[in-house]
Amino acid sequence: MKVTSTGPASIQAVVFDLGRVLVDFDWQRALGEVSERTGLSPSEIKRRLVPDAAFTGFEVGRLSAQEFHARFEQILELKMPFDRFTIRWNSIFTREIAEVVGLAQRLRAKRGVRVAILSNTNVLHAEYLRGRFGWLREWDDVYMSHEIGARKPDARAYEYVLERIGISADRTAFVDDLPQNIAAARALGMHGVLAASPSAVLEGLAALGVNA
């Protein structure tokens, strides 16, 4: 467990990342077919896709799903119908992380603690996840990078959420699986919990006085 905090405070909000915090995923599931058809390893496919400006553009809403699909085909020199691409693209998600989802749901029902989600994602993944997980449709404070126009670790993403929930950074805990995202949140005065495992999340929040 790793907790980064500036000291004791009364936590009034918890902001959760989505991927590998509330919902697990595996890129191999999405890239396996692409790997077979192109002869490229999944790691090489990610190496080509993720640093490309189109990937970031897709995650901040500057590119439509169709535009990203066209760039996907161009980068990998692969023809894949859009419907098939959508199915493969969304197949990365495996399961909800029940321990953390349960904790978040209990916190939502608890007076005095506001619960939000801040996720780097895209329109296809967001639509799929909202369709698959009913609890995600029920939450009011869900902030997706492609909808707000900023992605972590850009400070603007965190500031957007803090402004919307109306709670100061020093009263907010942020849970994420990536150290660079935790570092960016801490730089703004938030309390960070690194989601190395479900138990790390529960223990990290408990260390900040957040229990459900």
N, C-alpha and C. Protein backbone atom coordinates (compact mmCIF):
# COMPACT_ATOMS: atom_id res chain seq x y z
N MET A 1 0.83 -1.19 0.00
CA MET A 1 0.00 0.00 0.00
C MET A 1 0.87 1.24 0.00
N LYS A 2 0.46 2.23 -0.82
CA LYS A 2 1.17 3.50 -0.84
C LYS A 2 0.16 4.62 -0.79
N VAL A 3 0.29 5.48 0.22
CA VAL A 3 -0.60 6.61 0.36
C VAL A 3 0.22 7.87 0.32
N THR A 4 -0.19 8.84 -0.47
CA THR A 4 0.48 10.12 -0.47
C THR A 4 -0.50 11.14 0.05
N SER A 5 -0.14 11.86 1.08
CA SER A 5 -1.04 12.79 1.71
C SER A 5 -0.24 13.93 2.30
N THR A 6 -0.86 15.08 2.42
CA THR A 6 -0.20 16.23 3.02
C THR A 6 -0.50 16.34 4.50
N GLY A 7 -1.21 15.40 5.06
CA GLY A 7 -1.49 15.44 6.48
C GLY A 7 -2.95 15.13 6.74
N PRO A 8 -3.33 15.01 8.03
CA PRO A 8 -4.70 14.66 8.36
C PRO A 8 -5.67 15.75 7.93
N ALA A 9 -6.81 15.35 7.46
CA ALA A 9 -7.86 16.29 7.07
C ALA A 9 -9.17 15.54 7.07
N SER A 10 -10.25 16.26 7.16
CA SER A 10 -11.56 15.66 7.08
C SER A 10 -11.92 15.51 5.61
N ILE A 11 -11.86 14.28 5.11
CA ILE A 11 -12.11 14.03 3.70
C ILE A 11 -13.61 14.11 3.43
N GLN A 12 -13.98 14.97 2.51
CA GLN A 12 -15.38 15.17 2.17
C GLN A 12 -15.73 14.62 0.79
N ALA A 13 -14.71 14.23 0.02
CA ALA A 13 -14.97 13.68 -1.31
C ALA A 13 -13.89 12.66 -1.66
N VAL A 14 -14.31 11.64 -2.38
CA VAL A 14 -13.37 10.64 -2.92
C VAL A 14 -13.60 10.57 -4.42
N VAL A 15 -12.54 10.78 -5.18
CA VAL A 15 -12.61 10.71 -6.64
C VAL A 15 -11.87 9.45 -7.09
N PHE A 16 -12.59 8.56 -7.74
CA PHE A 16 -12.02 7.29 -8.19
C PHE A 16 -11.70 7.36 -9.68
N ASP A 17 -10.56 6.78 -10.05
CA ASP A 17 -10.31 6.44 -11.45
C ASP A 17 -11.25 5.27 -11.77
N LEU A 18 -11.40 4.98 -13.05
CA LEU A 18 -12.29 3.90 -13.46
C LEU A 18 -11.50 2.63 -13.81
N GLY A 19 -10.63 2.69 -14.81
CA GLY A 19 -9.88 1.52 -15.24
C GLY A 19 -8.86 1.06 -14.22
N ARG A 20 -8.92 -0.23 -13.89
CA ARG A 20 -8.04 -0.89 -12.93
C ARG A 20 -8.22 -0.36 -11.51
N VAL A 21 -9.30 0.38 -11.30
CA VAL A 21 -9.69 0.78 -9.95
C VAL A 21 -11.10 0.25 -9.67
N LEU A 22 -12.05 0.59 -10.54
CA LEU A 22 -13.42 0.09 -10.42
C LEU A 22 -13.74 -1.00 -11.43
N VAL A 23 -13.09 -0.95 -12.58
CA VAL A 23 -13.30 -1.95 -13.65
C VAL A 23 -11.94 -2.41 -14.16
N ASP A 24 -11.75 -3.70 -14.23
CA ASP A 24 -10.47 -4.22 -14.71
C ASP A 24 -10.50 -4.35 -16.23
N PHE A 25 -9.31 -4.32 -16.83
CA PHE A 25 -9.23 -4.47 -18.29
C PHE A 25 -7.93 -5.15 -18.68
N ASP A 26 -7.92 -5.65 -19.91
CA ASP A 26 -6.77 -6.37 -20.44
C ASP A 26 -6.67 -6.06 -21.93
N TRP A 27 -5.65 -5.28 -22.32
CA TRP A 27 -5.50 -4.89 -23.71
C TRP A 27 -5.29 -6.09 -24.63
N GLN A 28 -4.77 -7.18 -24.10
CA GLN A 28 -4.54 -8.37 -24.91
C GLN A 28 -5.85 -8.86 -25.54
N ARG A 29 -6.94 -8.72 -24.82
CA ARG A 29 -8.24 -9.17 -25.33
C ARG A 29 -8.63 -8.40 -26.59
N ALA A 30 -8.29 -7.12 -26.62
CA ALA A 30 -8.65 -6.30 -27.77
C ALA A 30 -7.66 -6.44 -28.91
N LEU A 31 -6.40 -6.65 -28.57
CA LEU A 31 -5.36 -6.60 -29.58
C LEU A 31 -4.97 -7.96 -30.14
N GLY A 32 -5.51 -9.03 -29.55
CA GLY A 32 -5.15 -10.36 -30.01
C GLY A 32 -5.44 -10.59 -31.49
N GLU A 33 -6.66 -10.25 -31.91
CA GLU A 33 -7.03 -10.44 -33.31
C GLU A 33 -6.20 -9.53 -34.22
N VAL A 34 -5.99 -8.29 -33.77
CA VAL A 34 -5.18 -7.34 -34.55
C VAL A 34 -3.76 -7.87 -34.70
N SER A 35 -3.24 -8.43 -33.62
CA SER A 35 -1.89 -8.99 -33.64
C SER A 35 -1.79 -10.13 -34.65
N GLU A 36 -2.79 -10.99 -34.65
CA GLU A 36 -2.79 -12.12 -35.58
C GLU A 36 -2.83 -11.65 -37.03
N ARG A 37 -3.61 -10.63 -37.29
CA ARG A 37 -3.80 -10.17 -38.66
C ARG A 37 -2.64 -9.32 -39.18
N THR A 38 -1.96 -8.63 -38.27
CA THR A 38 -0.87 -7.75 -38.70
C THR A 38 0.51 -8.36 -38.51
N GLY A 39 0.61 -9.38 -37.64
CA GLY A 39 1.91 -9.94 -37.32
C GLY A 39 2.67 -9.12 -36.29
N LEU A 40 2.05 -8.08 -35.77
CA LEU A 40 2.66 -7.24 -34.74
C LEU A 40 2.29 -7.74 -33.36
N SER A 41 3.20 -7.68 -32.43
CA SER A 41 2.89 -8.08 -31.06
C SER A 41 1.96 -7.05 -30.43
N PRO A 42 1.17 -7.44 -29.43
CA PRO A 42 0.31 -6.46 -28.74
C PRO A 42 1.09 -5.28 -28.19
N SER A 43 2.29 -5.53 -27.68
CA SER A 43 3.09 -4.43 -27.14
C SER A 43 3.51 -3.46 -28.25
N GLU A 44 3.81 -3.98 -29.44
CA GLU A 44 4.17 -3.12 -30.56
C GLU A 44 2.95 -2.32 -31.05
N ILE A 45 1.79 -2.95 -31.04
CA ILE A 45 0.58 -2.24 -31.43
C ILE A 45 0.33 -1.07 -30.47
N LYS A 46 0.44 -1.32 -29.17
CA LYS A 46 0.26 -0.25 -28.19
C LYS A 46 1.32 0.83 -28.36
N ARG A 47 2.55 0.41 -28.66
CA ARG A 47 3.63 1.38 -28.85
C ARG A 47 3.33 2.33 -30.01
N ARG A 48 2.68 1.81 -31.03
CA ARG A 48 2.33 2.64 -32.18
C ARG A 48 1.10 3.50 -31.92
N LEU A 49 0.14 2.94 -31.21
CA LEU A 49 -1.14 3.63 -31.04
C LEU A 49 -1.11 4.71 -29.96
N VAL A 50 -0.64 4.34 -28.77
CA VAL A 50 -0.82 5.22 -27.60
C VAL A 50 -0.10 6.56 -27.73
N PRO A 51 1.14 6.62 -28.23
CA PRO A 51 1.78 7.94 -28.34
C PRO A 51 1.24 8.80 -29.48
N ASP A 52 0.46 8.20 -30.37
CA ASP A 52 -0.03 8.94 -31.52
C ASP A 52 -1.02 10.02 -31.07
N ALA A 53 -0.96 11.17 -31.73
CA ALA A 53 -1.83 12.29 -31.36
C ALA A 53 -3.31 11.92 -31.47
N ALA A 54 -3.63 10.99 -32.33
CA ALA A 54 -5.03 10.59 -32.49
C ALA A 54 -5.57 9.93 -31.23
N PHE A 55 -4.73 9.18 -30.53
CA PHE A 55 -5.17 8.50 -29.31
C PHE A 55 -5.56 9.54 -28.26
N THR A 56 -4.68 10.52 -28.05
CA THR A 56 -4.99 11.58 -27.10
C THR A 56 -6.20 12.38 -27.58
N GLY A 57 -6.24 12.67 -28.88
CA GLY A 57 -7.37 13.42 -29.43
C GLY A 57 -8.69 12.71 -29.20
N PHE A 58 -8.68 11.39 -29.32
CA PHE A 58 -9.89 10.59 -29.09
C PHE A 58 -10.30 10.68 -27.63
N GLU A 59 -9.33 10.69 -26.72
CA GLU A 59 -9.63 10.70 -25.29
C GLU A 59 -10.01 12.08 -24.76
N VAL A 60 -9.78 13.12 -25.53
CA VAL A 60 -10.22 14.45 -25.08
C VAL A 60 -11.34 14.99 -25.97
N GLY A 61 -11.89 14.13 -26.82
CA GLY A 61 -13.06 14.49 -27.58
C GLY A 61 -12.82 15.29 -28.83
N ARG A 62 -11.56 15.38 -29.28
CA ARG A 62 -11.29 16.14 -30.50
C ARG A 62 -11.51 15.29 -31.75
N LEU A 63 -11.47 13.97 -31.60
CA LEU A 63 -11.71 13.06 -32.71
C LEU A 63 -12.96 12.24 -32.43
N SER A 64 -13.76 12.01 -33.45
CA SER A 64 -14.91 11.12 -33.32
C SER A 64 -14.42 9.67 -33.36
N ALA A 65 -15.32 8.76 -33.03
CA ALA A 65 -14.98 7.34 -33.09
C ALA A 65 -14.60 6.94 -34.51
N GLN A 66 -15.31 7.48 -35.50
CA GLN A 66 -15.03 7.15 -36.89
C GLN A 66 -13.67 7.68 -37.33
N GLU A 67 -13.31 8.88 -36.87
CA GLU A 67 -12.01 9.44 -37.22
C GLU A 67 -10.88 8.65 -36.57
N PHE A 68 -11.09 8.24 -35.33
CA PHE A 68 -10.05 7.44 -34.67
C PHE A 68 -9.92 6.08 -35.35
N HIS A 69 -11.03 5.50 -35.74
CA HIS A 69 -11.00 4.21 -36.44
C HIS A 69 -10.18 4.31 -37.71
N ALA A 70 -10.36 5.40 -38.45
CA ALA A 70 -9.61 5.58 -39.69
C ALA A 70 -8.12 5.69 -39.41
N ARG A 71 -7.76 6.40 -38.35
CA ARG A 71 -6.35 6.52 -37.98
C ARG A 71 -5.80 5.18 -37.49
N PHE A 72 -6.59 4.43 -36.76
CA PHE A 72 -6.22 3.09 -36.30
C PHE A 72 -5.85 2.21 -37.49
N GLU A 73 -6.68 2.22 -38.51
CA GLU A 73 -6.40 1.42 -39.71
C GLU A 73 -5.14 1.90 -40.40
N GLN A 74 -4.94 3.21 -40.44
CA GLN A 74 -3.77 3.78 -41.11
C GLN A 74 -2.48 3.40 -40.38
N ILE A 75 -2.46 3.56 -39.09
CA ILE A 75 -1.26 3.28 -38.30
C ILE A 75 -0.85 1.81 -38.43
N LEU A 76 -1.84 0.93 -38.38
CA LEU A 76 -1.55 -0.50 -38.35
C LEU A 76 -1.62 -1.16 -39.73
N GLU A 77 -1.92 -0.34 -40.75
CA GLU A 77 -2.04 -0.86 -42.12
C GLU A 77 -2.97 -2.07 -42.15
N LEU A 78 -4.16 -1.82 -41.62
CA LEU A 78 -5.13 -2.90 -41.43
C LEU A 78 -6.52 -2.39 -41.79
N LYS A 79 -7.27 -3.19 -42.49
CA LYS A 79 -8.66 -2.87 -42.77
C LYS A 79 -9.55 -3.69 -41.84
N MET A 80 -10.38 -2.98 -41.06
CA MET A 80 -11.30 -3.64 -40.14
C MET A 80 -12.60 -2.84 -40.13
N PRO A 81 -13.72 -3.44 -40.47
CA PRO A 81 -14.99 -2.71 -40.46
C PRO A 81 -15.23 -2.03 -39.12
N PHE A 82 -15.87 -0.87 -39.17
CA PHE A 82 -16.06 -0.08 -37.95
C PHE A 82 -16.79 -0.86 -36.87
N ASP A 83 -17.82 -1.62 -37.24
CA ASP A 83 -18.57 -2.40 -36.24
C ASP A 83 -17.68 -3.43 -35.57
N ARG A 84 -16.83 -4.08 -36.38
CA ARG A 84 -15.91 -5.08 -35.82
C ARG A 84 -14.88 -4.39 -34.93
N PHE A 85 -14.37 -3.27 -35.38
CA PHE A 85 -13.41 -2.50 -34.58
C PHE A 85 -14.02 -2.14 -33.23
N THR A 86 -15.26 -1.70 -33.22
CA THR A 86 -15.91 -1.31 -31.97
C THR A 86 -16.00 -2.48 -31.01
N ILE A 87 -16.37 -3.64 -31.51
CA ILE A 87 -16.46 -4.83 -30.66
C ILE A 87 -15.10 -5.16 -30.06
N ARG A 88 -14.06 -5.17 -30.92
CA ARG A 88 -12.73 -5.50 -30.42
C ARG A 88 -12.23 -4.43 -29.45
N TRP A 89 -12.45 -3.17 -29.77
CA TRP A 89 -11.99 -2.07 -28.93
C TRP A 89 -12.60 -2.14 -27.53
N ASN A 90 -13.86 -2.54 -27.45
CA ASN A 90 -14.54 -2.62 -26.16
C ASN A 90 -14.29 -3.92 -25.42
N SER A 91 -13.66 -4.88 -26.09
CA SER A 91 -13.47 -6.19 -25.46
C SER A 91 -12.37 -6.19 -24.41
N ILE A 92 -11.70 -5.05 -24.21
CA ILE A 92 -10.63 -5.02 -23.20
C ILE A 92 -11.17 -5.22 -21.79
N PHE A 93 -12.43 -4.87 -21.55
CA PHE A 93 -12.94 -4.88 -20.18
C PHE A 93 -13.32 -6.28 -19.74
N THR A 94 -12.89 -6.64 -18.54
CA THR A 94 -13.09 -7.99 -18.06
C THR A 94 -14.17 -8.08 -16.99
N ARG A 95 -14.06 -7.28 -15.94
CA ARG A 95 -15.00 -7.41 -14.81
C ARG A 95 -14.95 -6.15 -13.97
N GLU A 96 -15.97 -5.96 -13.17
CA GLU A 96 -15.89 -4.91 -12.17
C GLU A 96 -15.04 -5.40 -11.00
N ILE A 97 -14.37 -4.49 -10.34
CA ILE A 97 -13.57 -4.84 -9.17
C ILE A 97 -14.47 -4.66 -7.97
N ALA A 98 -15.10 -5.77 -7.59
CA ALA A 98 -16.24 -5.74 -6.68
C ALA A 98 -15.93 -5.09 -5.34
N GLU A 99 -14.73 -5.33 -4.79
CA GLU A 99 -14.41 -4.79 -3.48
C GLU A 99 -14.42 -3.27 -3.49
N VAL A 100 -13.88 -2.68 -4.55
CA VAL A 100 -13.80 -1.23 -4.62
C VAL A 100 -15.14 -0.63 -5.04
N VAL A 101 -15.84 -1.28 -5.95
CA VAL A 101 -17.18 -0.81 -6.33
C VAL A 101 -18.09 -0.83 -5.11
N GLY A 102 -18.01 -1.89 -4.31
CA GLY A 102 -18.83 -1.98 -3.11
C GLY A 102 -18.52 -0.85 -2.13
N LEU A 103 -17.22 -0.58 -1.95
CA LEU A 103 -16.82 0.51 -1.07
C LEU A 103 -17.37 1.84 -1.58
N ALA A 104 -17.21 2.08 -2.87
CA ALA A 104 -17.69 3.33 -3.46
C ALA A 104 -19.20 3.47 -3.29
N GLN A 105 -19.92 2.39 -3.48
CA GLN A 105 -21.38 2.43 -3.32
C GLN A 105 -21.76 2.74 -1.87
N ARG A 106 -21.04 2.16 -0.93
CA ARG A 106 -21.34 2.45 0.48
C ARG A 106 -21.02 3.90 0.82
N LEU A 107 -19.93 4.41 0.25
CA LEU A 107 -19.58 5.81 0.49
C LEU A 107 -20.63 6.74 -0.09
N ARG A 108 -21.18 6.38 -1.26
CA ARG A 108 -22.22 7.20 -1.87
C ARG A 108 -23.44 7.32 -0.97
N ALA A 109 -23.69 6.25 -0.21
CA ALA A 109 -24.86 6.25 0.68
C ALA A 109 -24.57 6.90 2.02
N LYS A 110 -23.33 7.27 2.23
CA LYS A 110 -22.92 7.82 3.52
C LYS A 110 -23.01 9.34 3.49
N ARG A 111 -23.61 9.91 4.49
CA ARG A 111 -23.73 11.36 4.57
C ARG A 111 -22.36 11.99 4.77
N GLY A 112 -22.12 13.08 4.08
CA GLY A 112 -20.89 13.82 4.30
C GLY A 112 -19.73 13.44 3.41
N VAL A 113 -19.91 12.43 2.53
CA VAL A 113 -18.85 12.03 1.61
C VAL A 113 -19.40 12.02 0.18
N ARG A 114 -18.80 12.81 -0.67
CA ARG A 114 -19.23 12.85 -2.07
C ARG A 114 -18.30 11.96 -2.88
N VAL A 115 -18.86 11.19 -3.78
CA VAL A 115 -18.09 10.23 -4.56
C VAL A 115 -18.18 10.60 -6.04
N ALA A 116 -17.03 10.61 -6.71
CA ALA A 116 -16.98 10.96 -8.13
C ALA A 116 -16.04 10.02 -8.86
N ILE A 117 -16.12 10.06 -10.18
CA ILE A 117 -15.22 9.30 -11.04
C ILE A 117 -14.55 10.27 -12.00
N LEU A 118 -13.24 10.11 -12.18
CA LEU A 118 -12.49 10.85 -13.20
C LEU A 118 -11.70 9.83 -14.01
N SER A 119 -12.04 9.69 -15.28
CA SER A 119 -11.44 8.63 -16.09
C SER A 119 -10.93 9.16 -17.42
N ASN A 120 -9.73 8.72 -17.80
CA ASN A 120 -9.24 8.92 -19.16
C ASN A 120 -9.87 7.85 -20.03
N THR A 121 -10.74 8.26 -20.94
CA THR A 121 -11.43 7.28 -21.76
C THR A 121 -11.93 7.92 -23.04
N ASN A 122 -12.75 7.23 -23.76
CA ASN A 122 -13.24 7.70 -25.06
C ASN A 122 -14.71 7.33 -25.19
N VAL A 123 -15.34 7.86 -26.22
CA VAL A 123 -16.78 7.71 -26.35
C VAL A 123 -17.20 6.25 -26.49
N LEU A 124 -16.43 5.43 -27.19
CA LEU A 124 -16.81 4.03 -27.36
C LEU A 124 -16.74 3.27 -26.04
N HIS A 125 -15.66 3.46 -25.31
CA HIS A 125 -15.53 2.78 -24.02
C HIS A 125 -16.58 3.28 -23.03
N ALA A 126 -16.83 4.58 -23.02
CA ALA A 126 -17.80 5.14 -22.08
C ALA A 126 -19.20 4.59 -22.34
N GLU A 127 -19.59 4.56 -23.60
CA GLU A 127 -20.92 4.04 -23.93
C GLU A 127 -21.04 2.56 -23.55
N TYR A 128 -19.98 1.81 -23.83
CA TYR A 128 -20.00 0.38 -23.49
C TYR A 128 -20.11 0.17 -21.98
N LEU A 129 -19.29 0.89 -21.22
CA LEU A 129 -19.28 0.71 -19.77
C LEU A 129 -20.59 1.14 -19.13
N ARG A 130 -21.15 2.23 -19.62
CA ARG A 130 -22.44 2.67 -19.07
C ARG A 130 -23.54 1.67 -19.38
N GLY A 131 -23.43 1.00 -20.52
CA GLY A 131 -24.41 -0.01 -20.85
C GLY A 131 -24.25 -1.28 -20.04
N ARG A 132 -23.02 -1.60 -19.68
CA ARG A 132 -22.75 -2.87 -18.99
C ARG A 132 -22.92 -2.77 -17.48
N PHE A 133 -22.56 -1.64 -16.89
CA PHE A 133 -22.56 -1.52 -15.43
C PHE A 133 -23.61 -0.50 -15.00
N GLY A 134 -24.68 -1.02 -14.40
CA GLY A 134 -25.77 -0.16 -14.00
C GLY A 134 -25.37 0.90 -12.99
N TRP A 135 -24.46 0.57 -12.08
CA TRP A 135 -24.06 1.54 -11.06
C TRP A 135 -23.40 2.76 -11.69
N LEU A 136 -22.76 2.59 -12.84
CA LEU A 136 -22.12 3.73 -13.50
C LEU A 136 -23.17 4.70 -14.04
N ARG A 137 -24.31 4.18 -14.47
CA ARG A 137 -25.38 5.04 -14.95
C ARG A 137 -26.05 5.79 -13.81
N GLU A 138 -25.97 5.23 -12.60
CA GLU A 138 -26.66 5.83 -11.45
C GLU A 138 -25.88 6.98 -10.83
N TRP A 139 -24.58 7.02 -11.02
CA TRP A 139 -23.76 8.03 -10.38
C TRP A 139 -23.92 9.37 -11.07
N ASP A 140 -24.00 10.42 -10.28
CA ASP A 140 -24.14 11.76 -10.83
C ASP A 140 -22.80 12.36 -11.25
N ASP A 141 -21.79 12.16 -10.43
CA ASP A 141 -20.49 12.81 -10.65
C ASP A 141 -19.53 11.88 -11.39
N VAL A 142 -19.78 11.70 -12.68
CA VAL A 142 -18.91 10.89 -13.53
C VAL A 142 -18.33 11.80 -14.59
N TYR A 143 -17.00 11.93 -14.59
CA TYR A 143 -16.32 12.87 -15.48
C TYR A 143 -15.35 12.10 -16.38
N MET A 144 -15.70 12.02 -17.66
CA MET A 144 -14.91 11.30 -18.65
C MET A 144 -14.08 12.30 -19.45
N SER A 145 -12.83 11.95 -19.70
CA SER A 145 -11.91 12.89 -20.35
C SER A 145 -12.44 13.39 -21.69
N HIS A 146 -13.07 12.51 -22.46
CA HIS A 146 -13.56 12.92 -23.78
C HIS A 146 -14.74 13.88 -23.69
N GLU A 147 -15.40 13.90 -22.52
CA GLU A 147 -16.53 14.79 -22.32
C GLU A 147 -16.12 16.14 -21.72
N ILE A 148 -15.05 16.14 -20.93
CA ILE A 148 -14.62 17.39 -20.28
C ILE A 148 -13.48 18.07 -21.03
N GLY A 149 -12.88 17.38 -22.01
CA GLY A 149 -11.83 17.99 -22.82
C GLY A 149 -10.47 18.04 -22.18
N ALA A 150 -10.22 17.23 -21.18
CA ALA A 150 -8.91 17.17 -20.52
C ALA A 150 -8.72 15.79 -19.93
N ARG A 151 -7.46 15.35 -19.91
CA ARG A 151 -7.18 14.02 -19.38
C ARG A 151 -6.04 14.09 -18.38
N LYS A 152 -6.08 13.17 -17.43
CA LYS A 152 -4.99 13.08 -16.44
C LYS A 152 -3.68 12.72 -17.15
N PRO A 153 -2.55 13.25 -16.70
CA PRO A 153 -2.33 14.04 -15.49
C PRO A 153 -2.43 15.55 -15.68
N ASP A 154 -3.10 16.02 -16.71
CA ASP A 154 -3.30 17.44 -16.91
C ASP A 154 -4.07 18.02 -15.72
N ALA A 155 -3.55 19.05 -15.10
CA ALA A 155 -4.19 19.66 -13.94
C ALA A 155 -5.61 20.09 -14.22
N ARG A 156 -5.89 20.44 -15.47
CA ARG A 156 -7.23 20.90 -15.81
C ARG A 156 -8.29 19.84 -15.57
N ALA A 157 -7.94 18.58 -15.70
CA ALA A 157 -8.90 17.51 -15.47
C ALA A 157 -9.31 17.46 -14.01
N TYR A 158 -8.34 17.54 -13.11
CA TYR A 158 -8.64 17.52 -11.67
C TYR A 158 -9.40 18.77 -11.26
N GLU A 159 -8.96 19.91 -11.77
CA GLU A 159 -9.59 21.18 -11.42
C GLU A 159 -11.05 21.22 -11.88
N TYR A 160 -11.32 20.62 -13.03
CA TYR A 160 -12.68 20.55 -13.53
C TYR A 160 -13.57 19.81 -12.53
N VAL A 161 -13.08 18.66 -12.05
CA VAL A 161 -13.87 17.86 -11.11
C VAL A 161 -14.05 18.59 -9.79
N LEU A 162 -12.97 19.16 -9.27
CA LEU A 162 -13.07 19.87 -7.99
C LEU A 162 -14.07 21.02 -8.07
N GLU A 163 -14.07 21.72 -9.18
CA GLU A 163 -15.02 22.82 -9.35
C GLU A 163 -16.45 22.30 -9.39
N ARG A 164 -16.67 21.19 -10.08
CA ARG A 164 -18.02 20.66 -10.21
C ARG A 164 -18.56 20.11 -8.89
N ILE A 165 -17.69 19.45 -8.12
CA ILE A 165 -18.19 18.88 -6.86
C ILE A 165 -18.19 19.91 -5.74
N GLY A 166 -17.48 21.00 -5.93
CA GLY A 166 -17.51 22.09 -4.96
C GLY A 166 -16.81 21.79 -3.66
N ILE A 167 -15.78 20.97 -3.72
CA ILE A 167 -15.02 20.61 -2.51
C ILE A 167 -13.55 20.88 -2.77
N SER A 168 -12.87 21.44 -1.80
CA SER A 168 -11.47 21.84 -1.98
C SER A 168 -10.56 20.63 -2.11
N ALA A 169 -9.41 20.85 -2.72
CA ALA A 169 -8.46 19.76 -2.96
C ALA A 169 -8.02 19.10 -1.66
N ASP A 170 -7.79 19.89 -0.61
CA ASP A 170 -7.28 19.32 0.64
C ASP A 170 -8.32 18.49 1.38
N ARG A 171 -9.57 18.54 0.92
CA ARG A 171 -10.64 17.74 1.50
C ARG A 171 -11.04 16.59 0.57
N THR A 172 -10.22 16.36 -0.44
CA THR A 172 -10.55 15.37 -1.47
C THR A 172 -9.48 14.30 -1.58
N ALA A 173 -9.89 13.04 -1.59
CA ALA A 173 -8.98 11.92 -1.83
C ALA A 173 -9.14 11.48 -3.29
N PHE A 174 -8.02 11.15 -3.90
CA PHE A 174 -8.02 10.71 -5.29
C PHE A 174 -7.40 9.33 -5.38
N VAL A 175 -8.09 8.40 -6.04
CA VAL A 175 -7.65 7.01 -6.14
C VAL A 175 -7.38 6.69 -7.61
N ASP A 176 -6.16 6.23 -7.90
CA ASP A 176 -5.78 5.94 -9.28
C ASP A 176 -4.72 4.84 -9.27
N ASP A 177 -4.59 4.14 -10.39
CA ASP A 177 -3.61 3.05 -10.47
C ASP A 177 -2.27 3.50 -11.03
N LEU A 178 -2.16 4.76 -11.50
CA LEU A 178 -0.91 5.23 -12.11
C LEU A 178 -0.23 6.28 -11.22
N PRO A 179 1.04 6.05 -10.86
CA PRO A 179 1.74 6.99 -9.99
C PRO A 179 1.77 8.41 -10.52
N GLN A 180 1.90 8.58 -11.86
CA GLN A 180 1.96 9.94 -12.39
C GLN A 180 0.66 10.70 -12.20
N ASN A 181 -0.45 9.98 -12.21
CA ASN A 181 -1.73 10.63 -11.97
C ASN A 181 -1.91 11.00 -10.50
N ILE A 182 -1.40 10.14 -9.62
CA ILE A 182 -1.41 10.44 -8.19
C ILE A 182 -0.54 11.66 -7.91
N ALA A 183 0.63 11.71 -8.53
CA ALA A 183 1.55 12.84 -8.31
C ALA A 183 0.91 14.16 -8.74
N ALA A 184 0.20 14.13 -9.87
CA ALA A 184 -0.44 15.35 -10.36
C ALA A 184 -1.54 15.80 -9.42
N ALA A 185 -2.30 14.86 -8.88
CA ALA A 185 -3.35 15.20 -7.92
C ALA A 185 -2.74 15.78 -6.64
N ARG A 186 -1.67 15.18 -6.19
CA ARG A 186 -1.04 15.66 -4.96
C ARG A 186 -0.48 17.07 -5.16
N ALA A 187 0.01 17.35 -6.36
CA ALA A 187 0.56 18.69 -6.63
C ALA A 187 -0.51 19.76 -6.49
N LEU A 188 -1.77 19.38 -6.64
CA LEU A 188 -2.88 20.32 -6.47
C LEU A 188 -3.40 20.35 -5.04
N GLY A 189 -2.81 19.52 -4.18
CA GLY A 189 -3.22 19.49 -2.78
C GLY A 189 -4.17 18.38 -2.41
N MET A 190 -4.48 17.51 -3.35
CA MET A 190 -5.36 16.38 -3.06
C MET A 190 -4.58 15.29 -2.33
N HIS A 191 -5.31 14.39 -1.72
CA HIS A 191 -4.71 13.25 -1.03
C HIS A 191 -4.76 12.05 -1.96
N GLY A 192 -3.63 11.39 -2.18
CA GLY A 192 -3.57 10.33 -3.17
C GLY A 192 -3.50 8.95 -2.58
N VAL A 193 -4.25 8.04 -3.17
CA VAL A 193 -4.19 6.61 -2.82
C VAL A 193 -3.88 5.84 -4.09
N LEU A 194 -2.75 5.18 -4.11
CA LEU A 194 -2.34 4.39 -5.27
C LEU A 194 -3.03 3.03 -5.23
N ALA A 195 -3.79 2.74 -6.28
CA ALA A 195 -4.60 1.52 -6.31
C ALA A 195 -3.77 0.34 -6.83
N ALA A 196 -2.82 -0.10 -6.03
CA ALA A 196 -2.01 -1.25 -6.40
C ALA A 196 -2.81 -2.55 -6.32
N SER A 197 -3.88 -2.54 -5.52
CA SER A 197 -4.76 -3.69 -5.34
C SER A 197 -6.02 -3.18 -4.66
N PRO A 198 -7.09 -3.98 -4.68
CA PRO A 198 -8.30 -3.56 -3.96
C PRO A 198 -8.04 -3.30 -2.48
N SER A 199 -7.26 -4.16 -1.86
CA SER A 199 -6.98 -3.96 -0.43
C SER A 199 -6.19 -2.68 -0.19
N ALA A 200 -5.32 -2.31 -1.14
CA ALA A 200 -4.56 -1.06 -1.01
C ALA A 200 -5.50 0.14 -1.03
N VAL A 201 -6.55 0.05 -1.84
CA VAL A 201 -7.53 1.14 -1.89
C VAL A 201 -8.26 1.26 -0.56
N LEU A 202 -8.77 0.14 -0.06
CA LEU A 202 -9.51 0.17 1.20
C LEU A 202 -8.62 0.64 2.35
N GLU A 203 -7.39 0.12 2.40
CA GLU A 203 -6.49 0.50 3.47
C GLU A 203 -6.04 1.95 3.34
N GLY A 204 -5.80 2.38 2.10
CA GLY A 204 -5.35 3.74 1.87
C GLY A 204 -6.39 4.76 2.26
N LEU A 205 -7.64 4.49 1.91
CA LEU A 205 -8.71 5.41 2.30
C LEU A 205 -8.95 5.39 3.80
N ALA A 206 -8.85 4.20 4.39
CA ALA A 206 -9.02 4.10 5.85
C ALA A 206 -7.96 4.91 6.57
N ALA A 207 -6.73 4.93 6.01
CA ALA A 207 -5.66 5.71 6.61
C ALA A 207 -5.94 7.21 6.57
N LEU A 208 -6.79 7.61 5.63
CA LEU A 208 -7.21 9.02 5.54
C LEU A 208 -8.49 9.28 6.32
N GLY A 209 -8.97 8.27 7.03
CA GLY A 209 -10.18 8.43 7.83
C GLY A 209 -11.45 8.19 7.05
N VAL A 210 -11.33 7.60 5.86
CA VAL A 210 -12.52 7.33 5.04
C VAL A 210 -12.90 5.86 5.21
N ASN A 211 -13.99 5.60 5.89
CA ASN A 211 -14.46 4.24 6.10
C ASN A 211 -15.93 4.17 5.73
N ALA A 212 -16.35 2.98 5.30
CA ALA A 212 -17.76 2.78 4.99
C ALA A 212 -18.15 1.41 5.53
